[in-house]
């Protein structure tokens, strides 16, 4: 294993679900610090093609390239673009969604309220609006919608109102500045820091994470070979819902009426379920996370994230699935 490789929480389950084989080609859609890619290359004499829009991930990719040579290739691009870079079938695709611990630990990235830093939050710092741009330019209603729909924040309107009032006096440009503002609105005892949902919502909005996920799942469907495996690890309910909707739409035939003639042109199921959430040994009950706890803005270490391994069938992807709509279908 190359030095400085990060070990993902669900590494063992993901590798098991992929059913790696010698000579296979696999896609690590979220390279990060290279934990999945490294274990795949170590477990079988296969090839891995990795994607990540975070420039920091490229350092991990270079270490893997030095260690494994031509068996590893990487693209500094979002996973939504994988079908543009891969023109041949692959035997497996893995997604590990959300923000990583190394990203949270780097205050200069602006993902976490635990470190004071610029309010950035961009996965790809080469382009796009920052979280500070959104906070200081969006209307009160637009901010409330972001906090409510992407962060499931109950005090979304009050937070948005306070932000608009505050920025009229001074721009909000630092993580601690925003976190303290939110805590002044969301008071009382909480199992997570009051700023958690607001920061999550801004990160998702800045990076269009849900839109990228819908397109990325359809792209994975397009490049998977028959009987290829799709494995998705998600960390919160919004991602979870999109993945489940995508998978359920592709696991069953299109709905038909018994009063109409059989239509042989209806799309057939393109995936089959090979498992749902794994059943590891019982784990300790999660304790409330204090504001200063190390993992205050990520999935508690005592809880397992949802896990979706799927197997690709022979049928081709439906052309319309590449449109990033609210309820994108999912291959099983």
C-alpha atoms as a PDB file:
ATOM      1  CA  UNK A   1       0.000   0.000   0.000  1.00  0.00           C
ATOM      2  CA  UNK A   2       1.461   3.400  -0.975  1.00  0.00           C
ATOM      3  CA  UNK A   3       2.152   5.764   1.920  1.00  0.00           C
ATOM      4  CA  UNK A   4      -0.594   8.193   3.005  1.00  0.00           C
ATOM      5  CA  UNK A   5      -3.417   6.095   1.530  1.00  0.00           C
ATOM      6  CA  UNK A   6      -6.696   6.720   3.369  1.00  0.00           C
ATOM      7  CA  UNK A   7      -8.715   3.693   4.562  1.00  0.00           C
ATOM      8  CA  UNK A   8     -12.456   4.158   3.804  1.00  0.00           C
ATOM      9  CA  UNK A   9     -15.053   3.135   6.392  1.00  0.00           C
ATOM     10  CA  UNK A  10     -16.701   0.532   4.127  1.00  0.00           C
ATOM     11  CA  UNK A  11     -13.562  -0.779   2.420  1.00  0.00           C
ATOM     12  CA  UNK A  12     -14.072  -4.474   3.223  1.00  0.00           C
ATOM     13  CA  UNK A  13     -17.732  -4.482   2.164  1.00  0.00           C
ATOM     14  CA  UNK A  14     -17.080  -2.613  -1.073  1.00  0.00           C
ATOM     15  CA  UNK A  15     -14.241  -4.886  -2.162  1.00  0.00           C
ATOM     16  CA  UNK A  16     -16.359  -7.948  -1.390  1.00  0.00           C
ATOM     17  CA  UNK A  17     -19.333  -6.616  -3.362  1.00  0.00           C
ATOM     18  CA  UNK A  18     -17.260  -5.782  -6.448  1.00  0.00           C
ATOM     19  CA  UNK A  19     -16.297  -9.459  -6.979  1.00  0.00           C
ATOM     20  CA  UNK A  20     -12.930  -8.453  -8.431  1.00  0.00           C
ATOM     21  CA  UNK A  21     -11.363 -10.676 -11.074  1.00  0.00           C
ATOM     22  CA  UNK A  22      -7.973 -10.762 -12.771  1.00  0.00           C
ATOM     23  CA  UNK A  23      -8.011  -8.923 -16.081  1.00  0.00           C
ATOM     24  CA  UNK A  24     -11.050  -6.839 -15.153  1.00  0.00           C
ATOM     25  CA  UNK A  25     -11.357  -3.065 -15.475  1.00  0.00           C
ATOM     26  CA  UNK A  26     -12.902  -1.127 -12.600  1.00  0.00           C
ATOM     27  CA  UNK A  27     -13.803   2.523 -11.989  1.00  0.00           C
ATOM     28  CA  UNK A  28     -13.199   4.329  -8.716  1.00  0.00           C
ATOM     29  CA  UNK A  29     -15.571   7.253  -9.263  1.00  0.00           C
ATOM     30  CA  UNK A  30     -14.406   9.071  -6.123  1.00  0.00           C
ATOM     31  CA  UNK A  31     -10.644   8.541  -5.814  1.00  0.00           C
ATOM     32  CA  UNK A  32     -10.112  10.697  -2.732  1.00  0.00           C
ATOM     33  CA  UNK A  33      -6.948   9.506  -0.998  1.00  0.00           C
ATOM     34  CA  UNK A  34      -6.914   6.274  -2.997  1.00  0.00           C
ATOM     35  CA  UNK A  35      -8.169   3.753  -0.436  1.00  0.00           C
ATOM     36  CA  UNK A  36     -10.536   1.847  -2.739  1.00  0.00           C
ATOM     37  CA  UNK A  37      -8.302   2.002  -5.816  1.00  0.00           C
ATOM     38  CA  UNK A  38      -5.296   0.740  -3.874  1.00  0.00           C
ATOM     39  CA  UNK A  39      -7.206  -2.197  -2.374  1.00  0.00           C
ATOM     40  CA  UNK A  40      -8.703  -3.146  -5.763  1.00  0.00           C
ATOM     41  CA  UNK A  41      -5.290  -3.205  -7.400  1.00  0.00           C
ATOM     42  CA  UNK A  42      -3.857  -5.150  -4.477  1.00  0.00           C
ATOM     43  CA  UNK A  43      -6.690  -7.718  -4.449  1.00  0.00           C
ATOM     44  CA  UNK A  44      -6.650  -8.679  -8.143  1.00  0.00           C
ATOM     45  CA  UNK A  45      -4.450  -8.246 -11.197  1.00  0.00           C
ATOM     46  CA  UNK A  46      -6.904  -5.737 -12.649  1.00  0.00           C
ATOM     47  CA  UNK A  47      -6.936  -2.198 -13.980  1.00  0.00           C
ATOM     48  CA  UNK A  48      -8.486   0.792 -12.194  1.00  0.00           C
ATOM     49  CA  UNK A  49      -9.604   4.064 -13.784  1.00  0.00           C
ATOM     50  CA  UNK A  50     -10.190   6.770 -11.191  1.00  0.00           C
ATOM     51  CA  UNK A  51     -12.013  10.108 -11.195  1.00  0.00           C
ATOM     52  CA  UNK A  52     -11.979  13.033  -8.802  1.00  0.00           C
ATOM     53  CA  UNK A  53     -12.518  16.764  -9.262  1.00  0.00           C
ATOM     54  CA  UNK A  54     -10.524  17.589  -6.121  1.00  0.00           C
ATOM     55  CA  UNK A  55      -6.969  18.535  -7.054  1.00  0.00           C
ATOM     56  CA  UNK A  56      -5.715  17.132  -3.731  1.00  0.00           C
ATOM     57  CA  UNK A  57      -6.718  13.640  -4.913  1.00  0.00           C
ATOM     58  CA  UNK A  58      -4.231  13.839  -7.766  1.00  0.00           C
ATOM     59  CA  UNK A  59      -1.337  13.397  -5.330  1.00  0.00           C
ATOM     60  CA  UNK A  60      -2.793  10.053  -4.216  1.00  0.00           C
ATOM     61  CA  UNK A  61      -3.270   9.136  -7.867  1.00  0.00           C
ATOM     62  CA  UNK A  62       0.371   9.849  -8.646  1.00  0.00           C
ATOM     63  CA  UNK A  63       1.504   7.591  -5.785  1.00  0.00           C
ATOM     64  CA  UNK A  64      -0.740   4.803  -7.070  1.00  0.00           C
ATOM     65  CA  UNK A  65       0.573   5.295 -10.592  1.00  0.00           C
ATOM     66  CA  UNK A  66       4.160   5.003  -9.390  1.00  0.00           C
ATOM     67  CA  UNK A  67       3.310   1.858  -7.445  1.00  0.00           C
ATOM     68  CA  UNK A  68       1.084   0.051  -9.977  1.00  0.00           C
ATOM     69  CA  UNK A  69       2.213   1.530 -13.289  1.00  0.00           C
ATOM     70  CA  UNK A  70      -0.124   1.135 -16.274  1.00  0.00           C
ATOM     71  CA  UNK A  71      -2.688  -0.762 -14.215  1.00  0.00           C
ATOM     72  CA  UNK A  72      -3.863   2.575 -12.798  1.00  0.00           C
ATOM     73  CA  UNK A  73      -5.116   5.659 -14.654  1.00  0.00           C
ATOM     74  CA  UNK A  74      -6.772   8.807 -13.289  1.00  0.00           C
ATOM     75  CA  UNK A  75      -8.780  11.756 -14.564  1.00  0.00           C
ATOM     76  CA  UNK A  76      -9.002  15.132 -12.840  1.00  0.00           C
ATOM     77  CA  UNK A  77     -12.706  15.352 -13.652  1.00  0.00           C
ATOM     78  CA  UNK A  78     -16.095  14.803 -11.986  1.00  0.00           C
ATOM     79  CA  UNK A  79     -17.524  11.293 -12.106  1.00  0.00           C
ATOM     80  CA  UNK A  80     -20.444  12.667 -14.116  1.00  0.00           C
ATOM     81  CA  UNK A  81     -17.985  12.780 -17.052  1.00  0.00           C
ATOM     82  CA  UNK A  82     -16.856   9.154 -16.823  1.00  0.00           C
ATOM     83  CA  UNK A  83     -18.765   8.062 -19.944  1.00  0.00           C
ATOM     84  CA  UNK A  84     -16.881  10.737 -21.923  1.00  0.00           C
ATOM     85  CA  UNK A  85     -13.525   9.261 -20.909  1.00  0.00           C
ATOM     86  CA  UNK A  86     -14.344   5.541 -20.968  1.00  0.00           C
ATOM     87  CA  UNK A  87     -15.516   4.025 -24.237  1.00  0.00           C
ATOM     88  CA  UNK A  88     -15.157   0.326 -23.378  1.00  0.00           C
ATOM     89  CA  UNK A  89     -17.193  -1.807 -20.932  1.00  0.00           C
ATOM     90  CA  UNK A  90     -15.969  -2.111 -17.346  1.00  0.00           C
ATOM     91  CA  UNK A  91     -16.609  -4.820 -14.761  1.00  0.00           C
ATOM     92  CA  UNK A  92     -17.370  -2.567 -11.823  1.00  0.00           C
ATOM     93  CA  UNK A  93     -17.955   1.011 -10.640  1.00  0.00           C
ATOM     94  CA  UNK A  94     -17.776   2.220  -7.037  1.00  0.00           C
ATOM     95  CA  UNK A  95     -19.015   5.544  -5.639  1.00  0.00           C
ATOM     96  CA  UNK A  96     -18.228   6.741  -2.104  1.00  0.00           C
ATOM     97  CA  UNK A  97     -20.317   9.892  -1.838  1.00  0.00           C
ATOM     98  CA  UNK A  98     -19.906  13.015   0.254  1.00  0.00           C
ATOM     99  CA  UNK A  99     -16.957  14.825   1.790  1.00  0.00           C
ATOM    100  CA  UNK A 100     -13.940  12.979   3.188  1.00  0.00           C
ATOM    101  CA  UNK A 101     -12.190  13.346   6.541  1.00  0.00           C
ATOM    102  CA  UNK A 102      -8.994  14.760   4.938  1.00  0.00           C
ATOM    103  CA  UNK A 103     -11.088  17.449   3.236  1.00  0.00           C
ATOM    104  CA  UNK A 104     -12.769  18.330   6.525  1.00  0.00           C
ATOM    105  CA  UNK A 105      -9.447  18.464   8.313  1.00  0.00           C
ATOM    106  CA  UNK A 106      -8.048  21.067   5.886  1.00  0.00           C
ATOM    107  CA  UNK A 107      -9.307  24.421   7.145  1.00  0.00           C
ATOM    108  CA  UNK A 108      -8.251  26.162   3.937  1.00  0.00           C
ATOM    109  CA  UNK A 109     -10.917  24.233   2.021  1.00  0.00           C
ATOM    110  CA  UNK A 110     -13.757  25.715   4.066  1.00  0.00           C
ATOM    111  CA  UNK A 111     -15.794  22.507   4.401  1.00  0.00           C
ATOM    112  CA  UNK A 112     -15.861  22.367   8.199  1.00  0.00           C
ATOM    113  CA  UNK A 113     -16.854  24.741  10.967  1.00  0.00           C
ATOM    114  CA  UNK A 114     -14.239  23.142  13.255  1.00  0.00           C
ATOM    115  CA  UNK A 115     -11.454  25.125  11.577  1.00  0.00           C
ATOM    116  CA  UNK A 116     -11.525  28.806  10.720  1.00  0.00           C
ATOM    117  CA  UNK A 117     -10.837  29.323   7.050  1.00  0.00           C
ATOM    118  CA  UNK A 118     -12.164  30.886   3.862  1.00  0.00           C
ATOM    119  CA  UNK A 119     -15.784  29.984   3.122  1.00  0.00           C
ATOM    120  CA  UNK A 120     -14.945  28.091  -0.076  1.00  0.00           C
ATOM    121  CA  UNK A 121     -16.319  24.492  -0.117  1.00  0.00           C
ATOM    122  CA  UNK A 122     -15.572  23.851  -3.800  1.00  0.00           C
ATOM    123  CA  UNK A 123     -14.469  20.306  -4.625  1.00  0.00           C
ATOM    124  CA  UNK A 124     -12.808  21.717  -7.747  1.00  0.00           C
ATOM    125  CA  UNK A 125     -11.180  25.005  -6.794  1.00  0.00           C
ATOM    126  CA  UNK A 126     -10.426  25.803 -10.425  1.00  0.00           C
ATOM    127  CA  UNK A 127     -13.958  26.977 -11.139  1.00  0.00           C
ATOM    128  CA  UNK A 128     -17.410  27.810  -9.841  1.00  0.00           C
ATOM    129  CA  UNK A 129     -18.931  29.899  -7.088  1.00  0.00           C
ATOM    130  CA  UNK A 130     -17.735  29.541  -3.517  1.00  0.00           C
ATOM    131  CA  UNK A 131     -19.961  29.162  -0.475  1.00  0.00           C
ATOM    132  CA  UNK A 132     -19.141  32.792   0.346  1.00  0.00           C
ATOM    133  CA  UNK A 133     -20.457  33.818  -3.064  1.00  0.00           C
ATOM    134  CA  UNK A 134     -23.778  32.084  -2.364  1.00  0.00           C
ATOM    135  CA  UNK A 135     -24.080  33.403   1.174  1.00  0.00           C
ATOM    136  CA  UNK A 136     -23.410  36.991   0.111  1.00  0.00           C
ATOM    137  CA  UNK A 137     -25.418  37.140  -3.134  1.00  0.00           C
ATOM    138  CA  UNK A 138     -28.429  34.830  -2.893  1.00  0.00           C
ATOM    139  CA  UNK A 139     -31.764  36.297  -1.807  1.00  0.00           C
ATOM    140  CA  UNK A 140     -33.194  35.454   1.588  1.00  0.00           C
ATOM    141  CA  UNK A 141     -35.710  33.094  -0.007  1.00  0.00           C
ATOM    142  CA  UNK A 142     -33.053  31.350  -2.122  1.00  0.00           C
ATOM    143  CA  UNK A 143     -30.859  30.796   0.942  1.00  0.00           C
ATOM    144  CA  UNK A 144     -33.800  29.459   2.943  1.00  0.00           C
ATOM    145  CA  UNK A 145     -34.599  27.002   0.146  1.00  0.00           C
ATOM    146  CA  UNK A 146     -30.982  25.798   0.062  1.00  0.00           C
ATOM    147  CA  UNK A 147     -30.852  25.249   3.820  1.00  0.00           C
ATOM    148  CA  UNK A 148     -34.249  23.557   3.958  1.00  0.00           C
ATOM    149  CA  UNK A 149     -34.087  21.312   0.893  1.00  0.00           C
ATOM    150  CA  UNK A 150     -30.385  20.413   0.915  1.00  0.00           C
ATOM    151  CA  UNK A 151     -29.714  20.513   4.644  1.00  0.00           C
ATOM    152  CA  UNK A 152     -33.150  19.616   5.986  1.00  0.00           C
ATOM    153  CA  UNK A 153     -32.703  22.520   8.392  1.00  0.00           C
ATOM    154  CA  UNK A 154     -35.901  23.373  10.297  1.00  0.00           C
ATOM    155  CA  UNK A 155     -34.729  26.912  11.094  1.00  0.00           C
ATOM    156  CA  UNK A 156     -33.844  27.647   7.461  1.00  0.00           C
ATOM    157  CA  UNK A 157     -35.861  30.875   7.199  1.00  0.00           C
ATOM    158  CA  UNK A 158     -34.506  32.334  10.409  1.00  0.00           C
ATOM    159  CA  UNK A 159     -30.917  31.523   9.428  1.00  0.00           C
ATOM    160  CA  UNK A 160     -31.382  33.067   5.975  1.00  0.00           C
ATOM    161  CA  UNK A 161     -32.891  36.209   7.508  1.00  0.00           C
ATOM    162  CA  UNK A 162     -29.982  36.551   9.932  1.00  0.00           C
ATOM    163  CA  UNK A 163     -27.447  36.086   7.117  1.00  0.00           C
ATOM    164  CA  UNK A 164     -29.026  38.802   4.991  1.00  0.00           C
ATOM    165  CA  UNK A 165     -29.052  41.198   7.945  1.00  0.00           C
ATOM    166  CA  UNK A 166     -25.434  40.396   8.845  1.00  0.00           C
ATOM    167  CA  UNK A 167     -24.030  40.686   5.319  1.00  0.00           C
ATOM    168  CA  UNK A 168     -25.589  44.155   4.955  1.00  0.00           C
ATOM    169  CA  UNK A 169     -23.081  45.297   7.588  1.00  0.00           C
ATOM    170  CA  UNK A 170     -20.134  43.029   6.727  1.00  0.00           C
ATOM    171  CA  UNK A 171     -19.595  40.279   4.117  1.00  0.00           C
ATOM    172  CA  UNK A 172     -19.579  36.735   5.488  1.00  0.00           C
ATOM    173  CA  UNK A 173     -16.327  35.190   4.248  1.00  0.00           C
ATOM    174  CA  UNK A 174     -15.045  32.852   7.010  1.00  0.00           C
ATOM    175  CA  UNK A 175     -16.262  29.484   8.287  1.00  0.00           C
ATOM    176  CA  UNK A 176     -16.241  30.486  11.958  1.00  0.00           C
ATOM    177  CA  UNK A 177     -18.098  33.669  11.099  1.00  0.00           C
ATOM    178  CA  UNK A 178     -20.944  31.700   9.500  1.00  0.00           C
ATOM    179  CA  UNK A 179     -20.926  28.975  12.150  1.00  0.00           C
ATOM    180  CA  UNK A 180     -21.312  31.474  15.004  1.00  0.00           C
ATOM    181  CA  UNK A 181     -24.134  33.200  13.149  1.00  0.00           C
ATOM    182  CA  UNK A 182     -26.022  29.915  12.742  1.00  0.00           C
ATOM    183  CA  UNK A 183     -25.445  28.941  16.382  1.00  0.00           C
ATOM    184  CA  UNK A 184     -26.959  32.264  17.441  1.00  0.00           C
ATOM    185  CA  UNK A 185     -30.173  31.209  15.667  1.00  0.00           C
ATOM    186  CA  UNK A 186     -30.268  27.448  16.336  1.00  0.00           C
ATOM    187  CA  UNK A 187     -29.984  27.359  20.115  1.00  0.00           C
ATOM    188  CA  UNK A 188     -30.447  24.649  22.712  1.00  0.00           C
ATOM    189  CA  UNK A 189     -28.999  21.172  23.143  1.00  0.00           C
ATOM    190  CA  UNK A 190     -28.289  19.218  19.957  1.00  0.00           C
ATOM    191  CA  UNK A 191     -26.670  15.869  19.186  1.00  0.00           C
ATOM    192  CA  UNK A 192     -24.758  17.579  16.363  1.00  0.00           C
ATOM    193  CA  UNK A 193     -23.353  21.072  16.056  1.00  0.00           C
ATOM    194  CA  UNK A 194     -26.140  23.537  15.116  1.00  0.00           C
ATOM    195  CA  UNK A 195     -24.121  24.637  12.062  1.00  0.00           C
ATOM    196  CA  UNK A 196     -23.911  21.104  10.601  1.00  0.00           C
ATOM    197  CA  UNK A 197     -26.993  21.201   8.370  1.00  0.00           C
ATOM    198  CA  UNK A 198     -26.276  24.685   7.047  1.00  0.00           C
ATOM    199  CA  UNK A 199     -22.723  23.738   6.092  1.00  0.00           C
ATOM    200  CA  UNK A 200     -23.924  20.510   4.481  1.00  0.00           C
ATOM    201  CA  UNK A 201     -26.524  22.382   2.435  1.00  0.00           C
ATOM    202  CA  UNK A 202     -24.031  24.964   1.183  1.00  0.00           C
ATOM    203  CA  UNK A 203     -21.505  22.279   0.219  1.00  0.00           C
ATOM    204  CA  UNK A 204     -24.109  20.337  -1.744  1.00  0.00           C
ATOM    205  CA  UNK A 205     -25.289  23.513  -3.500  1.00  0.00           C
ATOM    206  CA  UNK A 206     -21.782  24.763  -4.329  1.00  0.00           C
ATOM    207  CA  UNK A 207     -20.798  21.436  -5.909  1.00  0.00           C
ATOM    208  CA  UNK A 208     -24.202  20.478  -7.368  1.00  0.00           C
ATOM    209  CA  UNK A 209     -23.674  17.133  -5.657  1.00  0.00           C
ATOM    210  CA  UNK A 210     -27.175  15.771  -6.229  1.00  0.00           C
ATOM    211  CA  UNK A 211     -27.230  16.726  -9.899  1.00  0.00           C
ATOM    212  CA  UNK A 212     -23.760  15.228 -10.355  1.00  0.00           C
ATOM    213  CA  UNK A 213     -24.916  12.029  -8.662  1.00  0.00           C
ATOM    214  CA  UNK A 214     -27.892  11.576 -10.991  1.00  0.00           C
ATOM    215  CA  UNK A 215     -25.757  12.018 -14.098  1.00  0.00           C
ATOM    216  CA  UNK A 216     -22.946   9.924 -12.627  1.00  0.00           C
ATOM    217  CA  UNK A 217     -25.209   6.943 -11.908  1.00  0.00           C
ATOM    218  CA  UNK A 218     -26.529   7.020 -15.470  1.00  0.00           C
ATOM    219  CA  UNK A 219     -22.965   7.266 -16.794  1.00  0.00           C
ATOM    220  CA  UNK A 220     -21.970   4.225 -14.727  1.00  0.00           C
ATOM    221  CA  UNK A 221     -24.953   2.355 -16.140  1.00  0.00           C
ATOM    222  CA  UNK A 222     -23.814   3.178 -19.648  1.00  0.00           C
ATOM    223  CA  UNK A 223     -20.264   1.832 -19.275  1.00  0.00           C
ATOM    224  CA  UNK A 224     -20.932  -1.260 -17.153  1.00  0.00           C
ATOM    225  CA  UNK A 225     -20.512  -4.586 -18.932  1.00  0.00           C
ATOM    226  CA  UNK A 226     -23.174  -7.308 -18.573  1.00  0.00           C
ATOM    227  CA  UNK A 227     -22.973  -8.719 -15.022  1.00  0.00           C
ATOM    228  CA  UNK A 228     -20.787  -5.769 -13.982  1.00  0.00           C
ATOM    229  CA  UNK A 229     -21.142  -4.520 -10.413  1.00  0.00           C
ATOM    230  CA  UNK A 230     -22.296  -1.068  -9.276  1.00  0.00           C
ATOM    231  CA  UNK A 231     -21.465  -0.332  -5.625  1.00  0.00           C
ATOM    232  CA  UNK A 232     -22.586   2.900  -3.936  1.00  0.00           C
ATOM    233  CA  UNK A 233     -21.807   4.099  -0.415  1.00  0.00           C
ATOM    234  CA  UNK A 234     -23.945   7.051   0.660  1.00  0.00           C
ATOM    235  CA  UNK A 235     -23.845   9.086   3.842  1.00  0.00           C
ATOM    236  CA  UNK A 236     -27.090  11.020   4.149  1.00  0.00           C
ATOM    237  CA  UNK A 237     -30.750  10.787   3.233  1.00  0.00           C
ATOM    238  CA  UNK A 238     -30.697  12.967   0.096  1.00  0.00           C
ATOM    239  CA  UNK A 239     -28.061  10.829  -1.643  1.00  0.00           C
ATOM    240  CA  UNK A 240     -29.680   7.704  -0.253  1.00  0.00           C
ATOM    241  CA  UNK A 241     -33.034   8.629  -1.798  1.00  0.00           C
ATOM    242  CA  UNK A 242     -31.561   9.318  -5.254  1.00  0.00           C
ATOM    243  CA  UNK A 243     -29.649   6.033  -5.306  1.00  0.00           C
ATOM    244  CA  UNK A 244     -32.667   3.999  -4.174  1.00  0.00           C
ATOM    245  CA  UNK A 245     -34.901   5.635  -6.786  1.00  0.00           C
ATOM    246  CA  UNK A 246     -32.308   4.975  -9.489  1.00  0.00           C
ATOM    247  CA  UNK A 247     -31.945   1.327  -8.501  1.00  0.00           C
ATOM    248  CA  UNK A 248     -35.639   0.568  -8.073  1.00  0.00           C
ATOM    249  CA  UNK A 249     -36.482   2.058 -11.482  1.00  0.00           C
ATOM    250  CA  UNK A 250     -34.011  -0.278 -13.185  1.00  0.00           C
ATOM    251  CA  UNK A 251     -34.758  -3.410 -11.179  1.00  0.00           C
ATOM    252  CA  UNK A 252     -38.327  -3.861 -12.374  1.00  0.00           C
ATOM    253  CA  UNK A 253     -40.162  -3.705 -15.724  1.00  0.00           C
ATOM    254  CA  UNK A 254     -41.904  -0.487 -16.736  1.00  0.00           C
ATOM    255  CA  UNK A 255     -45.470  -0.272 -15.414  1.00  0.00           C
ATOM    256  CA  UNK A 256     -48.132  -1.442 -17.867  1.00  0.00           C
ATOM    257  CA  UNK A 257     -51.898  -1.728 -17.871  1.00  0.00           C
ATOM    258  CA  UNK A 258     -53.657  -5.105 -18.186  1.00  0.00           C
ATOM    259  CA  UNK A 259     -56.200  -3.340 -20.425  1.00  0.00           C
ATOM    260  CA  UNK A 260     -53.563  -2.520 -23.067  1.00  0.00           C
ATOM    261  CA  UNK A 261     -51.779  -4.871 -25.477  1.00  0.00           C
ATOM    262  CA  UNK A 262     -48.295  -6.057 -24.545  1.00  0.00           C
ATOM    263  CA  UNK A 263     -45.627  -3.638 -25.728  1.00  0.00           C
ATOM    264  CA  UNK A 264     -42.386  -5.464 -26.520  1.00  0.00           C
ATOM    265  CA  UNK A 265     -40.558  -2.129 -26.784  1.00  0.00           C
ATOM    266  CA  UNK A 266     -40.936  -1.332 -23.079  1.00  0.00           C
ATOM    267  CA  UNK A 267     -37.523  -1.022 -21.361  1.00  0.00           C
ATOM    268  CA  UNK A 268     -36.551  -4.223 -19.564  1.00  0.00           C
ATOM    269  CA  UNK A 269     -34.806  -4.314 -16.185  1.00  0.00           C
ATOM    270  CA  UNK A 270     -31.136  -3.547 -16.610  1.00  0.00           C
ATOM    271  CA  UNK A 271     -29.913  -4.407 -13.112  1.00  0.00           C
ATOM    272  CA  UNK A 272     -30.640  -7.008 -10.515  1.00  0.00           C
ATOM    273  CA  UNK A 273     -30.217  -6.552  -6.774  1.00  0.00           C
ATOM    274  CA  UNK A 274     -27.419  -8.597  -5.301  1.00  0.00           C
ATOM    275  CA  UNK A 275     -27.689  -7.216  -1.786  1.00  0.00           C
ATOM    276  CA  UNK A 276     -28.781  -4.286   0.317  1.00  0.00           C
ATOM    277  CA  UNK A 277     -27.196  -2.951   3.465  1.00  0.00           C
ATOM    278  CA  UNK A 278     -24.641  -5.399   4.859  1.00  0.00           C
ATOM    279  CA  UNK A 279     -25.173  -6.877   8.284  1.00  0.00           C
ATOM    280  CA  UNK A 280     -21.932  -6.404  10.201  1.00  0.00           C
ATOM    281  CA  UNK A 281     -21.610  -7.436  13.850  1.00  0.00           C
ATOM    282  CA  UNK A 282     -23.559  -5.176  16.246  1.00  0.00           C
ATOM    283  CA  UNK A 283     -21.780  -1.897  16.755  1.00  0.00           C
ATOM    284  CA  UNK A 284     -21.784   0.403  19.810  1.00  0.00           C
ATOM    285  CA  UNK A 285     -24.652   2.838  20.041  1.00  0.00           C
ATOM    286  CA  UNK A 286     -23.645   6.223  18.667  1.00  0.00           C
ATOM    287  CA  UNK A 287     -23.023   8.795  21.365  1.00  0.00           C
ATOM    288  CA  UNK A 288     -24.065  12.431  20.955  1.00  0.00           C
ATOM    289  CA  UNK A 289     -21.399  14.388  19.101  1.00  0.00           C
ATOM    290  CA  UNK A 290     -20.199  17.533  20.813  1.00  0.00           C
ATOM    291  CA  UNK A 291     -19.297  20.611  18.806  1.00  0.00           C
ATOM    292  CA  UNK A 292     -15.585  20.008  19.318  1.00  0.00           C
ATOM    293  CA  UNK A 293     -15.694  16.295  18.488  1.00  0.00           C
ATOM    294  CA  UNK A 294     -13.341  15.264  15.683  1.00  0.00           C
ATOM    295  CA  UNK A 295     -16.072  13.914  13.382  1.00  0.00           C
ATOM    296  CA  UNK A 296     -18.751  16.481  14.167  1.00  0.00           C
ATOM    297  CA  UNK A 297     -19.503  17.126  10.500  1.00  0.00           C
ATOM    298  CA  UNK A 298     -19.278  13.556   9.173  1.00  0.00           C
ATOM    299  CA  UNK A 299     -21.043  10.221   9.649  1.00  0.00           C
ATOM    300  CA  UNK A 300     -20.461   9.102  13.268  1.00  0.00           C
ATOM    301  CA  UNK A 301     -17.797   6.423  13.400  1.00  0.00           C
ATOM    302  CA  UNK A 302     -20.127   4.069  15.310  1.00  0.00           C
ATOM    303  CA  UNK A 303     -22.707   4.018  12.507  1.00  0.00           C
ATOM    304  CA  UNK A 304     -22.500   2.429   9.058  1.00  0.00           C
ATOM    305  CA  UNK A 305     -23.571   4.375   5.956  1.00  0.00           C
ATOM    306  CA  UNK A 306     -26.113   2.919   3.500  1.00  0.00           C
ATOM    307  CA  UNK A 307     -24.524   0.530   1.032  1.00  0.00           C
ATOM    308  CA  UNK A 308     -25.874  -0.521  -2.387  1.00  0.00           C
ATOM    309  CA  UNK A 309     -24.140  -3.267  -4.384  1.00  0.00           C
ATOM    310  CA  UNK A 310     -25.839  -3.984  -7.733  1.00  0.00           C
ATOM    311  CA  UNK A 311     -25.300  -6.304 -10.709  1.00  0.00           C
ATOM    312  CA  UNK A 312     -25.728  -5.158 -14.326  1.00  0.00           C
ATOM    313  CA  UNK A 313     -27.941  -7.201 -16.663  1.00  0.00           C
ATOM    314  CA  UNK A 314     -27.589  -7.478 -20.461  1.00  0.00           C
ATOM    315  CA  UNK A 315     -30.063  -4.796 -21.529  1.00  0.00           C
ATOM    316  CA  UNK A 316     -28.666  -1.450 -22.765  1.00  0.00           C
ATOM    317  CA  UNK A 317     -29.226   1.796 -20.851  1.00  0.00           C
ATOM    318  CA  UNK A 318     -32.282   3.875 -21.695  1.00  0.00           C
ATOM    319  CA  UNK A 319     -31.321   6.970 -23.707  1.00  0.00           C
ATOM    320  CA  UNK A 320     -33.373   9.357 -21.596  1.00  0.00           C
ATOM    321  CA  UNK A 321     -31.643   8.341 -18.364  1.00  0.00           C
ATOM    322  CA  UNK A 322     -28.764  10.754 -18.950  1.00  0.00           C
ATOM    323  CA  UNK A 323     -31.088  13.722 -18.380  1.00  0.00           C
ATOM    324  CA  UNK A 324     -30.488  14.974 -14.825  1.00  0.00           C
ATOM    325  CA  UNK A 325     -34.069  15.052 -13.623  1.00  0.00           C
ATOM    326  CA  UNK A 326     -35.324  14.934 -10.061  1.00  0.00           C
ATOM    327  CA  UNK A 327     -36.224  11.234 -10.088  1.00  0.00           C
ATOM    328  CA  UNK A 328     -33.516   9.598 -12.167  1.00  0.00           C
ATOM    329  CA  UNK A 329     -33.800   5.834 -12.613  1.00  0.00           C
ATOM    330  CA  UNK A 330     -31.217   3.555 -10.974  1.00  0.00           C
ATOM    331  CA  UNK A 331     -29.683   0.354 -12.300  1.00  0.00           C
ATOM    332  CA  UNK A 332     -29.631  -2.609  -9.947  1.00  0.00           C
END
